[in-house]
PDB file of N, CA and C in Angstrom:
ATOM      1  N   MET A   1      15.323 120.302 -68.259  1.00  0.00           N
ATOM      2  CA  MET A   1      16.105 121.006 -69.266  1.00  0.00           C
ATOM      3  C   MET A   1      15.662 122.469 -69.293  1.00  0.00           C
ATOM      4  N   ASN A   2      16.628 123.382 -69.274  1.00  0.00           N
ATOM      5  CA  ASN A   2      16.247 124.797 -69.235  1.00  0.00           C
ATOM      6  C   ASN A   2      15.714 125.264 -70.601  1.00  0.00           C
ATOM      7  N   THR A   3      15.060 126.395 -70.574  1.00  0.00           N
ATOM      8  CA  THR A   3      14.397 126.918 -71.773  1.00  0.00           C
ATOM      9  C   THR A   3      15.388 127.259 -72.872  1.00  0.00           C
ATOM     10  N   GLU A   4      16.520 127.846 -72.507  1.00  0.00           N
ATOM     11  CA  GLU A   4      17.524 128.209 -73.517  1.00  0.00           C
ATOM     12  C   GLU A   4      18.009 126.976 -74.277  1.00  0.00           C
ATOM     13  N   THR A   5      18.224 125.890 -73.577  1.00  0.00           N
ATOM     14  CA  THR A   5      18.653 124.638 -74.216  1.00  0.00           C
ATOM     15  C   THR A   5      17.569 124.117 -75.154  1.00  0.00           C
ATOM     16  N   GLN A   6      16.326 124.214 -74.728  1.00  0.00           N
ATOM     17  CA  GLN A   6      15.218 123.760 -75.578  1.00  0.00           C
ATOM     18  C   GLN A   6      15.106 124.608 -76.843  1.00  0.00           C
ATOM     19  N   ILE A   7      15.286 125.914 -76.708  1.00  0.00           N
ATOM     20  CA  ILE A   7      15.268 126.796 -77.881  1.00  0.00           C
ATOM     21  C   ILE A   7      16.392 126.392 -78.832  1.00  0.00           C
ATOM     22  N   ASN A   8      17.570 126.207 -78.282  1.00  0.00           N
ATOM     23  CA  ASN A   8      18.732 125.825 -79.076  1.00  0.00           C
ATOM     24  C   ASN A   8      18.473 124.536 -79.843  1.00  0.00           C
ATOM     25  N   GLN A   9      17.946 123.541 -79.175  1.00  0.00           N
ATOM     26  CA  GLN A   9      17.680 122.244 -79.820  1.00  0.00           C
ATOM     27  C   GLN A   9      16.660 122.366 -80.942  1.00  0.00           C
ATOM     28  N   ARG A  10      15.632 123.150 -80.726  1.00  0.00           N
ATOM     29  CA  ARG A  10      14.581 123.287 -81.749  1.00  0.00           C
ATOM     30  C   ARG A  10      15.051 124.104 -82.949  1.00  0.00           C
ATOM     31  N   LEU A  11      15.851 125.134 -82.696  1.00  0.00           N
ATOM     32  CA  LEU A  11      16.345 125.954 -83.805  1.00  0.00           C
ATOM     33  C   LEU A  11      17.472 125.277 -84.577  1.00  0.00           C
ATOM     34  N   ALA A  12      18.053 124.241 -84.011  1.00  0.00           N
ATOM     35  CA  ALA A  12      19.091 123.473 -84.712  1.00  0.00           C
ATOM     36  C   ALA A  12      18.542 122.885 -86.007  1.00  0.00           C
ATOM     37  N   GLU A  13      17.228 122.700 -86.070  1.00  0.00           N
ATOM     38  CA  GLU A  13      16.579 122.187 -87.287  1.00  0.00           C
ATOM     39  C   GLU A  13      16.843 123.098 -88.489  1.00  0.00           C
ATOM     40  N   LEU A  14      17.108 124.376 -88.233  1.00  0.00           N
ATOM     41  CA  LEU A  14      17.376 125.332 -89.316  1.00  0.00           C
ATOM     42  C   LEU A  14      18.845 125.331 -89.737  1.00  0.00           C
ATOM     43  N   ASN A  15      19.654 124.474 -89.115  1.00  0.00           N
ATOM     44  CA  ASN A  15      21.072 124.353 -89.433  1.00  0.00           C
ATOM     45  C   ASN A  15      21.759 125.724 -89.472  1.00  0.00           C
ATOM     46  N   PRO A  16      21.675 126.461 -88.368  1.00  0.00           N
ATOM     47  CA  PRO A  16      22.237 127.810 -88.376  1.00  0.00           C
ATOM     48  C   PRO A  16      23.767 127.818 -88.438  1.00  0.00           C
ATOM     49  N   SER A  17      24.299 128.790 -89.156  1.00  0.00           N
ATOM     50  CA  SER A  17      25.749 128.991 -89.155  1.00  0.00           C
ATOM     51  C   SER A  17      26.146 129.859 -87.969  1.00  0.00           C
ATOM     52  N   TYR A  18      25.199 130.576 -87.413  1.00  0.00           N
ATOM     53  CA  TYR A  18      25.410 131.365 -86.207  1.00  0.00           C
ATOM     54  C   TYR A  18      24.101 131.392 -85.440  1.00  0.00           C
ATOM     55  N   LEU A  19      24.179 131.183 -84.141  1.00  0.00           N
ATOM     56  CA  LEU A  19      22.996 131.223 -83.286  1.00  0.00           C
ATOM     57  C   LEU A  19      23.403 131.766 -81.931  1.00  0.00           C
ATOM     58  N   ARG A  20      22.750 132.845 -81.529  1.00  0.00           N
ATOM     59  CA  ARG A  20      22.958 133.395 -80.191  1.00  0.00           C
ATOM     60  C   ARG A  20      21.600 133.512 -79.513  1.00  0.00           C
ATOM     61  N   ILE A  21      21.485 132.905 -78.366  1.00  0.00           N
ATOM     62  CA  ILE A  21      20.260 132.959 -77.585  1.00  0.00           C
ATOM     63  C   ILE A  21      20.612 133.632 -76.268  1.00  0.00           C
ATOM     64  N   GLU A  22      19.979 134.749 -76.001  1.00  0.00           N
ATOM     65  CA  GLU A  22      20.262 135.479 -74.767  1.00  0.00           C
ATOM     66  C   GLU A  22      18.996 135.554 -73.919  1.00  0.00           C
ATOM     67  N   ASN A  23      19.108 135.082 -72.695  1.00  0.00           N
ATOM     68  CA  ASN A  23      18.014 135.193 -71.745  1.00  0.00           C
ATOM     69  C   ASN A  23      18.045 136.612 -71.187  1.00  0.00           C
ATOM     70  N   GLU A  24      17.076 137.420 -71.563  1.00  0.00           N
ATOM     71  CA  GLU A  24      17.013 138.805 -71.120  1.00  0.00           C
ATOM     72  C   GLU A  24      15.986 139.018 -70.006  1.00  0.00           C
ATOM     73  N   SER A  25      15.596 137.951 -69.380  1.00  0.00           N
ATOM     74  CA  SER A  25      14.581 138.042 -68.328  1.00  0.00           C
ATOM     75  C   SER A  25      15.014 138.957 -67.191  1.00  0.00           C
ATOM     76  N   TYR A  26      16.305 138.981 -66.896  1.00  0.00           N
ATOM     77  CA  TYR A  26      16.819 139.815 -65.803  1.00  0.00           C
ATOM     78  C   TYR A  26      16.542 141.305 -66.027  1.00  0.00           C
ATOM     79  N   LYS A  27      16.238 141.694 -67.267  1.00  0.00           N
ATOM     80  CA  LYS A  27      15.950 143.091 -67.581  1.00  0.00           C
ATOM     81  C   LYS A  27      14.498 143.458 -67.272  1.00  0.00           C
ATOM     82  N   HIS A  28      13.720 142.486 -66.834  1.00  0.00           N
ATOM     83  CA  HIS A  28      12.286 142.682 -66.661  1.00  0.00           C
ATOM     84  C   HIS A  28      11.859 142.414 -65.222  1.00  0.00           C
ATOM     85  N   ASN A  29      10.646 142.795 -64.920  1.00  0.00           N
ATOM     86  CA  ASN A  29      10.105 142.640 -63.581  1.00  0.00           C
ATOM     87  C   ASN A  29       9.553 141.219 -63.421  1.00  0.00           C
ATOM     88  N   VAL A  30      10.481 140.273 -63.311  1.00  0.00           N
ATOM     89  CA  VAL A  30      10.125 138.861 -63.146  1.00  0.00           C
ATOM     90  C   VAL A  30      10.964 138.296 -61.999  1.00  0.00           C
ATOM     91  N   PRO A  31      10.567 137.153 -61.456  1.00  0.00           N
ATOM     92  CA  PRO A  31      11.370 136.560 -60.380  1.00  0.00           C
ATOM     93  C   PRO A  31      12.790 136.242 -60.848  1.00  0.00           C
ATOM     94  N   LYS A  32      13.717 136.264 -59.906  1.00  0.00           N
ATOM     95  CA  LYS A  32      15.112 135.943 -60.189  1.00  0.00           C
ATOM     96  C   LYS A  32      15.204 134.563 -60.845  1.00  0.00           C
ATOM     97  N   ASN A  33      16.124 134.412 -61.796  1.00  0.00           N
ATOM     98  CA  ASN A  33      16.369 133.166 -62.531  1.00  0.00           C
ATOM     99  C   ASN A  33      15.216 132.770 -63.455  1.00  0.00           C
ATOM    100  N   SER A  34      14.382 133.723 -63.825  1.00  0.00           N
ATOM    101  CA  SER A  34      13.289 133.434 -64.760  1.00  0.00           C
ATOM    102  C   SER A  34      13.842 133.159 -66.152  1.00  0.00           C
ATOM    103  N   GLU A  35      13.075 132.448 -66.937  1.00  0.00           N
ATOM    104  CA  GLU A  35      13.395 132.173 -68.342  1.00  0.00           C
ATOM    105  C   GLU A  35      12.159 132.494 -69.172  1.00  0.00           C
ATOM    106  N   THR A  36      11.876 133.787 -69.287  1.00  0.00           N
ATOM    107  CA  THR A  36      10.649 134.221 -69.947  1.00  0.00           C
ATOM    108  C   THR A  36      10.870 135.153 -71.129  1.00  0.00           C
ATOM    109  N   HIS A  37      11.992 135.850 -71.158  1.00  0.00           N
ATOM    110  CA  HIS A  37      12.276 136.848 -72.190  1.00  0.00           C
ATOM    111  C   HIS A  37      13.595 136.488 -72.881  1.00  0.00           C
ATOM    112  N   PHE A  38      13.523 136.290 -74.200  1.00  0.00           N
ATOM    113  CA  PHE A  38      14.712 135.867 -74.939  1.00  0.00           C
ATOM    114  C   PHE A  38      14.948 136.741 -76.159  1.00  0.00           C
ATOM    115  N   ASN A  39      16.214 136.872 -76.505  1.00  0.00           N
ATOM    116  CA  ASN A  39      16.642 137.572 -77.708  1.00  0.00           C
ATOM    117  C   ASN A  39      17.442 136.559 -78.525  1.00  0.00           C
ATOM    118  N   VAL A  40      17.001 136.324 -79.760  1.00  0.00           N
ATOM    119  CA  VAL A  40      17.635 135.321 -80.616  1.00  0.00           C
ATOM    120  C   VAL A  40      18.185 135.983 -81.871  1.00  0.00           C
ATOM    121  N   VAL A  41      19.441 135.721 -82.136  1.00  0.00           N
ATOM    122  CA  VAL A  41      20.068 136.113 -83.396  1.00  0.00           C
ATOM    123  C   VAL A  41      20.416 134.809 -84.102  1.00  0.00           C
ATOM    124  N   ILE A  42      19.892 134.643 -85.311  1.00  0.00           N
ATOM    125  CA  ILE A  42      20.113 133.392 -86.035  1.00  0.00           C
ATOM    126  C   ILE A  42      20.433 133.687 -87.498  1.00  0.00           C
ATOM    127  N   VAL A  43      21.455 133.014 -87.995  1.00  0.00           N
ATOM    128  CA  VAL A  43      21.869 133.120 -89.395  1.00  0.00           C
ATOM    129  C   VAL A  43      21.714 131.736 -90.002  1.00  0.00           C
ATOM    130  N   SER A  44      20.902 131.651 -91.056  1.00  0.00           N
ATOM    131  CA  SER A  44      20.638 130.351 -91.658  1.00  0.00           C
ATOM    132  C   SER A  44      20.300 130.502 -93.131  1.00  0.00           C
ATOM    133  N   GLU A  45      20.795 129.571 -93.920  1.00  0.00           N
ATOM    134  CA  GLU A  45      20.443 129.549 -95.341  1.00  0.00           C
ATOM    135  C   GLU A  45      18.981 129.122 -95.536  1.00  0.00           C
ATOM    136  N   ALA A  46      18.370 128.592 -94.480  1.00  0.00           N
ATOM    137  CA  ALA A  46      16.949 128.246 -94.550  1.00  0.00           C
ATOM    138  C   ALA A  46      16.091 129.489 -94.766  1.00  0.00           C
ATOM    139  N   PHE A  47      16.654 130.671 -94.497  1.00  0.00           N
ATOM    140  CA  PHE A  47      15.917 131.916 -94.673  1.00  0.00           C
ATOM    141  C   PHE A  47      16.031 132.493 -96.076  1.00  0.00           C
ATOM    142  N   ASN A  48      16.840 131.884 -96.934  1.00  0.00           N
ATOM    143  CA  ASN A  48      16.950 132.364 -98.313  1.00  0.00           C
ATOM    144  C   ASN A  48      15.567 132.418 -98.944  1.00  0.00           C
ATOM    145  N   ASN A  49      15.274 133.518 -99.592  1.00  0.00           N
ATOM    146  CA  ASN A  49      14.005 133.721-100.312  1.00  0.00           C
ATOM    147  C   ASN A  49      12.780 133.743 -99.410  1.00  0.00           C
ATOM    148  N   LEU A  50      12.968 133.916 -98.094  1.00  0.00           N
ATOM    149  CA  LEU A  50      11.834 134.056 -97.189  1.00  0.00           C
ATOM    150  C   LEU A  50      11.747 135.500 -96.713  1.00  0.00           C
ATOM    151  N   SER A  51      10.528 136.020 -96.660  1.00  0.00           N
ATOM    152  CA  SER A  51      10.332 137.360 -96.111  1.00  0.00           C
ATOM    153  C   SER A  51      10.596 137.324 -94.611  1.00  0.00           C
ATOM    154  N   LEU A  52      10.748 138.475 -94.019  1.00  0.00           N
ATOM    155  CA  LEU A  52      10.965 138.565 -92.582  1.00  0.00           C
ATOM    156  C   LEU A  52       9.811 137.906 -91.821  1.00  0.00           C
ATOM    157  N   ILE A  53       8.610 138.130 -92.271  1.00  0.00           N
ATOM    158  CA  ILE A  53       7.438 137.527 -91.617  1.00  0.00           C
ATOM    159  C   ILE A  53       7.503 136.007 -91.694  1.00  0.00           C
ATOM    160  N   LYS A  54       7.855 135.461 -92.841  1.00  0.00           N
ATOM    161  CA  LYS A  54       7.951 134.004 -92.999  1.00  0.00           C
ATOM    162  C   LYS A  54       9.063 133.424 -92.128  1.00  0.00           C
ATOM    163  N   ARG A  55      10.160 134.144 -91.996  1.00  0.00           N
ATOM    164  CA  ARG A  55      11.251 133.695 -91.137  1.00  0.00           C
ATOM    165  C   ARG A  55      10.766 133.594 -89.690  1.00  0.00           C
ATOM    166  N   HIS A  56      10.082 134.647 -89.245  1.00  0.00           N
ATOM    167  CA  HIS A  56       9.568 134.647 -87.877  1.00  0.00           C
ATOM    168  C   HIS A  56       8.515 133.560 -87.680  1.00  0.00           C
ATOM    169  N   GLN A  57       7.653 133.382 -88.658  1.00  0.00           N
ATOM    170  CA  GLN A  57       6.645 132.328 -88.564  1.00  0.00           C
ATOM    171  C   GLN A  57       7.294 130.952 -88.464  1.00  0.00           C
ATOM    172  N   THR A  58       8.384 130.755 -89.185  1.00  0.00           N
ATOM    173  CA  THR A  58       9.111 129.485 -89.123  1.00  0.00           C
ATOM    174  C   THR A  58       9.621 129.243 -87.702  1.00  0.00           C
ATOM    175  N   ILE A  59      10.206 130.256 -87.109  1.00  0.00           N
ATOM    176  CA  ILE A  59      10.734 130.118 -85.746  1.00  0.00           C
ATOM    177  C   ILE A  59       9.595 129.918 -84.749  1.00  0.00           C
ATOM    178  N   TYR A  60       8.526 130.697 -84.884  1.00  0.00           N
ATOM    179  CA  TYR A  60       7.391 130.523 -83.980  1.00  0.00           C
ATOM    180  C   TYR A  60       6.820 129.111 -84.098  1.00  0.00           C
ATOM    181  N   GLY A  61       6.830 128.561 -85.288  1.00  0.00           N
ATOM    182  CA  GLY A  61       6.360 127.184 -85.464  1.00  0.00           C
ATOM    183  C   GLY A  61       7.232 126.186 -84.715  1.00  0.00           C
ATOM    184  N   LEU A  62       8.543 126.379 -84.786  1.00  0.00           N
ATOM    185  CA  LEU A  62       9.468 125.477 -84.091  1.00  0.00           C
ATOM    186  C   LEU A  62       9.379 125.625 -82.573  1.00  0.00           C
ATOM    187  N   LEU A  63       9.021 126.817 -82.113  1.00  0.00           N
ATOM    188  CA  LEU A  63       8.977 127.086 -80.673  1.00  0.00           C
ATOM    189  C   LEU A  63       7.553 127.175 -80.123  1.00  0.00           C
ATOM    190  N   SER A  64       6.574 126.705 -80.877  1.00  0.00           N
ATOM    191  CA  SER A  64       5.170 126.919 -80.513  1.00  0.00           C
ATOM    192  C   SER A  64       4.826 126.455 -79.097  1.00  0.00           C
ATOM    193  N   GLU A  65       5.315 125.306 -78.692  1.00  0.00           N
ATOM    194  CA  GLU A  65       5.023 124.826 -77.327  1.00  0.00           C
ATOM    195  C   GLU A  65       5.608 125.746 -76.277  1.00  0.00           C
ATOM    196  N   LEU A  66       6.826 126.193 -76.517  1.00  0.00           N
ATOM    197  CA  LEU A  66       7.494 127.064 -75.550  1.00  0.00           C
ATOM    198  C   LEU A  66       6.868 128.452 -75.516  1.00  0.00           C
ATOM    199  N   MET A  67       6.260 128.874 -76.635  1.00  0.00           N
ATOM    200  CA  MET A  67       5.632 130.190 -76.680  1.00  0.00           C
ATOM    201  C   MET A  67       4.380 130.233 -75.809  1.00  0.00           C
ATOM    202  N   LYS A  68       3.757 129.098 -75.577  1.00  0.00           N
ATOM    203  CA  LYS A  68       2.593 129.041 -74.690  1.00  0.00           C
ATOM    204  C   LYS A  68       3.051 129.226 -73.249  1.00  0.00           C
ATOM    205  N   ASN A  69       4.150 128.617 -72.926  1.00  0.00           N
ATOM    206  CA  ASN A  69       4.745 128.683 -71.599  1.00  0.00           C
ATOM    207  C   ASN A  69       6.069 127.962 -71.677  1.00  0.00           C
ATOM    208  N   PRO A  70       7.158 128.502 -71.311  1.00  0.00           N
ATOM    209  CA  PRO A  70       7.401 129.628 -70.419  1.00  0.00           C
ATOM    210  C   PRO A  70       7.733 130.953 -71.112  1.00  0.00           C
ATOM    211  N   ILE A  71       7.917 130.953 -72.446  1.00  0.00           N
ATOM    212  CA  ILE A  71       8.355 132.183 -73.106  1.00  0.00           C
ATOM    213  C   ILE A  71       7.228 133.209 -73.121  1.00  0.00           C
ATOM    214  N   HIS A  72       7.555 134.397 -72.647  1.00  0.00           N
ATOM    215  CA  HIS A  72       6.613 135.515 -72.642  1.00  0.00           C
ATOM    216  C   HIS A  72       6.937 136.498 -73.772  1.00  0.00           C
ATOM    217  N   ALA A  73       8.238 136.694 -74.031  1.00  0.00           N
ATOM    218  CA  ALA A  73       8.668 137.642 -75.061  1.00  0.00           C
ATOM    219  C   ALA A  73       9.863 137.069 -75.810  1.00  0.00           C
ATOM    220  N   LEU A  74       9.856 137.277 -77.127  1.00  0.00           N
ATOM    221  CA  LEU A  74      10.912 136.730 -77.976  1.00  0.00           C
ATOM    222  C   LEU A  74      11.290 137.768 -79.027  1.00  0.00           C
ATOM    223  N   ALA A  75      12.499 138.298 -78.933  1.00  0.00           N
ATOM    224  CA  ALA A  75      13.021 139.220 -79.943  1.00  0.00           C
ATOM    225  C   ALA A  75      13.794 138.389 -80.956  1.00  0.00           C
ATOM    226  N   LEU A  76      13.467 138.546 -82.232  1.00  0.00           N
ATOM    227  CA  LEU A  76      14.091 137.754 -83.282  1.00  0.00           C
ATOM    228  C   LEU A  76      14.862 138.637 -84.254  1.00  0.00           C
ATOM    229  N   HIS A  77      16.064 138.202 -84.567  1.00  0.00           N
ATOM    230  CA  HIS A  77      16.905 138.844 -85.574  1.00  0.00           C
ATOM    231  C   HIS A  77      17.361 137.723 -86.502  1.00  0.00           C
ATOM    232  N   THR A  78      16.792 137.677 -87.689  1.00  0.00           N
ATOM    233  CA  THR A  78      17.006 136.559 -88.609  1.00  0.00           C
ATOM    234  C   THR A  78      17.729 137.034 -89.863  1.00  0.00           C
ATOM    235  N   PHE A  79      18.751 136.287 -90.260  1.00  0.00           N
ATOM    236  CA  PHE A  79      19.574 136.677 -91.391  1.00  0.00           C
ATOM    237  C   PHE A  79      19.967 135.469 -92.228  1.00  0.00           C
ATOM    238  N   THR A  80      20.163 135.706 -93.519  1.00  0.00           N
ATOM    239  CA  THR A  80      20.872 134.740 -94.340  1.00  0.00           C
ATOM    240  C   THR A  80      22.358 135.026 -94.145  1.00  0.00           C
ATOM    241  N   SER A  81      23.217 134.137 -94.577  1.00  0.00           N
ATOM    242  CA  SER A  81      24.662 134.369 -94.445  1.00  0.00           C
ATOM    243  C   SER A  81      25.086 135.629 -95.186  1.00  0.00           C
ATOM    244  N   LYS A  82      24.534 135.827 -96.361  1.00  0.00           N
ATOM    245  CA  LYS A  82      24.881 137.001 -97.166  1.00  0.00           C
ATOM    246  C   LYS A  82      24.476 138.288 -96.448  1.00  0.00           C
ATOM    247  N   GLU A  83      23.275 138.314 -95.871  1.00  0.00           N
ATOM    248  CA  GLU A  83      22.821 139.492 -95.129  1.00  0.00           C
ATOM    249  C   GLU A  83      23.712 139.743 -93.910  1.00  0.00           C
ATOM    250  N   TRP A  84      24.038 138.675 -93.211  1.00  0.00           N
ATOM    251  CA  TRP A  84      24.852 138.777 -91.995  1.00  0.00           C
ATOM    252  C   TRP A  84      26.233 139.356 -92.311  1.00  0.00           C
ATOM    253  N   GLU A  85      26.823 138.897 -93.398  1.00  0.00           N
ATOM    254  CA  GLU A  85      28.160 139.361 -93.776  1.00  0.00           C
ATOM    255  C   GLU A  85      28.157 140.794 -94.298  1.00  0.00           C
ATOM    256  N   SER A  86      27.070 141.207 -94.931  1.00  0.00           N
ATOM    257  CA  SER A  86      27.043 142.531 -95.554  1.00  0.00           C
ATOM    258  C   SER A  86      26.617 143.642 -94.603  1.00  0.00           C
ATOM    259  N   GLN A  87      26.029 143.302 -93.475  1.00  0.00           N
ATOM    260  CA  GLN A  87      25.562 144.320 -92.538  1.00  0.00           C
ATOM    261  C   GLN A  87      26.548 144.502 -91.401  1.00  0.00           C
ATOM    262  N   LYS A  88      26.690 145.715 -90.993  1.00  0.00           N
ATOM    263  CA  LYS A  88      27.525 146.028 -89.832  1.00  0.00           C
ATOM    264  C   LYS A  88      26.604 146.037 -88.611  1.00  0.00           C
ATOM    265  N   ILE A  89      26.582 144.937 -87.897  1.00  0.00           N
ATOM    266  CA  ILE A  89      25.669 144.784 -86.776  1.00  0.00           C
ATOM    267  C   ILE A  89      26.473 144.842 -85.482  1.00  0.00           C
ATOM    268  N   ASP A  90      26.214 145.871 -84.683  1.00  0.00           N
ATOM    269  CA  ASP A  90      26.965 146.041 -83.455  1.00  0.00           C
ATOM    270  C   ASP A  90      26.208 145.515 -82.239  1.00  0.00           C
ATOM    271  N   ASN A  91      24.951 145.904 -82.123  1.00  0.00           N
ATOM    272  CA  ASN A  91      24.222 145.572 -80.907  1.00  0.00           C
ATOM    273  C   ASN A  91      22.797 145.168 -81.246  1.00  0.00           C
ATOM    274  N   LEU A  92      22.472 143.928 -80.963  1.00  0.00           N
ATOM    275  CA  LEU A  92      21.120 143.442 -81.207  1.00  0.00           C
ATOM    276  C   LEU A  92      20.433 143.079 -79.895  1.00  0.00           C
ATOM    277  N   SER A  93      20.931 143.596 -78.801  1.00  0.00           N
ATOM    278  CA  SER A  93      20.299 143.355 -77.505  1.00  0.00           C
ATOM    279  C   SER A  93      19.091 144.254 -77.362  1.00  0.00           C
ATOM    280  N   SER A  94      18.165 143.833 -76.546  1.00  0.00           N
ATOM    281  CA  SER A  94      16.963 144.617 -76.282  1.00  0.00           C
ATOM    282  C   SER A  94      17.262 145.692 -75.248  1.00  0.00           C
ATOM    283  N   PRO A  95      16.514 146.795 -75.285  1.00  0.00           N
ATOM    284  CA  PRO A  95      16.712 147.836 -74.269  1.00  0.00           C
ATOM    285  C   PRO A  95      16.192 147.361 -72.912  1.00  0.00           C
ATOM    286  N   GLU A  96      16.595 148.060 -71.881  1.00  0.00           N
ATOM    287  CA  GLU A  96      16.092 147.756 -70.545  1.00  0.00           C
ATOM    288  C   GLU A  96      14.583 147.963 -70.511  1.00  0.00           C
ATOM    289  N   CYS A  97      13.893 147.146 -69.744  1.00  0.00           N
ATOM    290  CA  CYS A  97      12.449 147.251 -69.574  1.00  0.00           C
ATOM    291  C   CYS A  97      12.133 148.478 -68.724  1.00  0.00           C
ATOM    292  N   LEU A  98      11.152 149.251 -69.129  1.00  0.00           N
ATOM    293  CA  LEU A  98      10.748 150.436 -68.371  1.00  0.00           C
ATOM    294  C   LEU A  98       9.414 150.242 -67.675  1.00  0.00           C
ATOM    295  N   GLY A  99       8.752 149.127 -67.954  1.00  0.00           N
ATOM    296  CA  GLY A  99       7.414 148.923 -67.400  1.00  0.00           C
ATOM    297  C   GLY A  99       7.383 147.867 -66.323  1.00  0.00           C
ATOM    298  N   GLY A 100       6.194 147.480 -65.970  1.00  0.00           N
ATOM    299  CA  GLY A 100       5.997 146.388 -65.031  1.00  0.00           C
ATOM    300  C   GLY A 100       6.389 146.713 -63.603  1.00  0.00           C
ATOM    301  N   GLY A 101       6.533 147.975 -63.279  1.00  0.00           N
ATOM    302  CA  GLY A 101       6.848 148.363 -61.919  1.00  0.00           C
ATOM    303  C   GLY A 101       8.304 148.185 -61.538  1.00  0.00           C
ATOM    304  N   LYS A 102       9.158 147.843 -62.482  1.00  0.00           N
ATOM    305  CA  LYS A 102      10.572 147.686 -62.182  1.00  0.00           C
ATOM    306  C   LYS A 102      11.200 149.058 -61.991  1.00  0.00           C
ATOM    307  N   LYS A 103      12.045 149.183 -60.989  1.00  0.00           N
ATOM    308  CA  LYS A 103      12.679 150.481 -60.702  1.00  0.00           C
ATOM    309  C   LYS A 103      14.171 150.370 -60.841  1.00  0.00           C
TER     310      LYS A 103
END
């Protein structure tokens, strides 16, 4: 089972109304078809009354095994439904990697 599917299954516990998981490994100096760098946008009522740190800790707890290996980097964008609807969010993708010898 690929890493993106595993992330999806584990985050389903938060009953998200919106979930986008993007494998951004291709932006980094890693072998082709790697699954090491992910960007997650998740909207869930489970985040109501939780600080940003607590939201991230919740996700890290659900993904703890994957964070040891294979995930190297994880960008998180966590919202309640109310926050998601009230914000004008255009682009939550990560910038291109400038390090690691990639040209």
